[in-house]
Amino acid sequence: MSSTSTKPRGFAAMTPEQRTEISRKGGVTAHLKGTAHQWNPVTAQEAGRKGGLARRTKTPMASPVAQPADKPKT
């Protein structure tokens, strides 16, 4: 099936209010089931540490440089 015009599907087709309502229901359900993530001081500290480490160790991506195929021997 090929169509020339594409329409948004799923969440992209919804209004912001509809997306918010669905997300809210999912969060409420997760808390009722007991499967929602609960932050405590230990997990918050660990997440902050990992974020700080990741930020410090990031290096800018090297731009691709064209390499000559073979240098002629002189």
C-alpha atoms as a PDB file:
ATOM      1  CA  MET A   1       0.000   0.000   0.000  1.00  0.00           C
ATOM      2  CA  SER A   2       1.683   3.167  -1.135  1.00  0.00           C
ATOM      3  CA  SER A   3       0.181   6.543  -0.543  1.00  0.00           C
ATOM      4  CA  THR A   4       1.490   9.881  -1.639  1.00  0.00           C
ATOM      5  CA  SER A   5       0.498  11.704   1.537  1.00  0.00           C
ATOM      6  CA  THR A   6       1.386  10.445   4.978  1.00  0.00           C
ATOM      7  CA  LYS A   7      -0.773  11.170   7.973  1.00  0.00           C
ATOM      8  CA  PRO A   8       0.499  11.208  11.548  1.00  0.00           C
ATOM      9  CA  ARG A   9      -0.172   7.967  13.382  1.00  0.00           C
ATOM     10  CA  GLY A  10      -0.293   6.994  17.030  1.00  0.00           C
ATOM     11  CA  PHE A  11       0.771   9.662  19.505  1.00  0.00           C
ATOM     12  CA  ALA A  12       1.726  12.044  16.690  1.00  0.00           C
ATOM     13  CA  ALA A  13      -1.924  12.195  15.604  1.00  0.00           C
ATOM     14  CA  MET A  14      -3.169  13.081  19.093  1.00  0.00           C
ATOM     15  CA  THR A  15      -3.625  16.473  20.667  1.00  0.00           C
ATOM     16  CA  PRO A  16      -1.308  17.354  23.549  1.00  0.00           C
ATOM     17  CA  GLU A  17      -4.251  16.940  25.935  1.00  0.00           C
ATOM     18  CA  GLN A  18      -4.921  13.392  24.688  1.00  0.00           C
ATOM     19  CA  ARG A  19      -1.236  12.452  25.062  1.00  0.00           C
ATOM     20  CA  THR A  20      -1.150  13.898  28.574  1.00  0.00           C
ATOM     21  CA  GLU A  21      -4.267  11.975  29.608  1.00  0.00           C
ATOM     22  CA  ILE A  22      -2.914   8.642  28.332  1.00  0.00           C
ATOM     23  CA  SER A  23       0.444   9.247  30.011  1.00  0.00           C
ATOM     24  CA  ARG A  24      -1.245  10.189  33.277  1.00  0.00           C
ATOM     25  CA  LYS A  25      -3.308   7.004  33.257  1.00  0.00           C
ATOM     26  CA  GLY A  26      -0.165   4.943  32.680  1.00  0.00           C
ATOM     27  CA  GLY A  27       1.607   6.600  35.601  1.00  0.00           C
ATOM     28  CA  VAL A  28      -1.334   6.104  37.935  1.00  0.00           C
ATOM     29  CA  THR A  29      -1.637   2.447  36.944  1.00  0.00           C
ATOM     30  CA  ALA A  30       2.085   1.828  37.481  1.00  0.00           C
ATOM     31  CA  HIS A  31       1.887   3.286  40.986  1.00  0.00           C
ATOM     32  CA  LEU A  32      -1.194   1.214  41.817  1.00  0.00           C
ATOM     33  CA  LYS A  33       0.558  -1.960  40.609  1.00  0.00           C
ATOM     34  CA  GLY A  34       3.701  -1.057  42.536  1.00  0.00           C
ATOM     35  CA  THR A  35       5.900  -1.159  39.431  1.00  0.00           C
ATOM     36  CA  ALA A  36       6.563   2.591  39.179  1.00  0.00           C
ATOM     37  CA  HIS A  37      10.092   3.818  39.882  1.00  0.00           C
ATOM     38  CA  GLN A  38      10.453   5.434  43.276  1.00  0.00           C
ATOM     39  CA  TRP A  39      13.453   7.685  43.847  1.00  0.00           C
ATOM     40  CA  ASN A  40      15.247   7.502  47.143  1.00  0.00           C
ATOM     41  CA  PRO A  41      18.413   9.348  48.197  1.00  0.00           C
ATOM     42  CA  VAL A  42      20.666   6.430  47.220  1.00  0.00           C
ATOM     43  CA  THR A  43      19.280   5.976  43.688  1.00  0.00           C
ATOM     44  CA  ALA A  44      19.196   9.745  43.144  1.00  0.00           C
ATOM     45  CA  GLN A  45      22.840  10.042  44.207  1.00  0.00           C
ATOM     46  CA  GLU A  46      23.842   7.173  41.908  1.00  0.00           C
ATOM     47  CA  ALA A  47      21.997   8.696  38.947  1.00  0.00           C
ATOM     48  CA  GLY A  48      23.640  12.059  39.545  1.00  0.00           C
ATOM     49  CA  ARG A  49      27.064  10.457  39.760  1.00  0.00           C
ATOM     50  CA  LYS A  50      26.549   8.561  36.518  1.00  0.00           C
ATOM     51  CA  GLY A  51      25.312  11.694  34.764  1.00  0.00           C
ATOM     52  CA  GLY A  52      28.325  13.673  35.937  1.00  0.00           C
ATOM     53  CA  LEU A  53      30.716  10.961  34.799  1.00  0.00           C
ATOM     54  CA  ALA A  54      29.075  10.720  31.390  1.00  0.00           C
ATOM     55  CA  ARG A  55      29.260  14.455  30.931  1.00  0.00           C
ATOM     56  CA  ARG A  56      32.959  14.573  31.843  1.00  0.00           C
ATOM     57  CA  THR A  57      33.996  11.690  29.626  1.00  0.00           C
ATOM     58  CA  LYS A  58      32.198  12.790  26.463  1.00  0.00           C
ATOM     59  CA  THR A  59      34.507  13.791  23.668  1.00  0.00           C
ATOM     60  CA  PRO A  60      33.475  15.647  20.564  1.00  0.00           C
ATOM     61  CA  MET A  61      33.013  13.411  17.569  1.00  0.00           C
ATOM     62  CA  ALA A  62      35.958  13.571  15.246  1.00  0.00           C
ATOM     63  CA  SER A  63      35.070  14.850  11.837  1.00  0.00           C
ATOM     64  CA  PRO A  64      35.767  12.336   9.104  1.00  0.00           C
ATOM     65  CA  VAL A  65      38.976  13.142   7.329  1.00  0.00           C
ATOM     66  CA  ALA A  66      39.630  11.834   3.862  1.00  0.00           C
ATOM     67  CA  GLN A  67      42.652   9.567   3.860  1.00  0.00           C
ATOM     68  CA  PRO A  68      44.723   9.201   0.713  1.00  0.00           C
ATOM     69  CA  ALA A  69      44.434   5.711  -0.762  1.00  0.00           C
ATOM     70  CA  ASP A  70      48.160   5.089  -1.178  1.00  0.00           C
ATOM     71  CA  LYS A  71      51.006   7.478  -0.919  1.00  0.00           C
ATOM     72  CA  PRO A  72      53.519   7.145  -3.717  1.00  0.00           C
ATOM     73  CA  LYS A  73      56.922   6.023  -2.497  1.00  0.00           C
ATOM     74  CA  THR A  74      59.639   8.600  -3.017  1.00  0.00           C
END
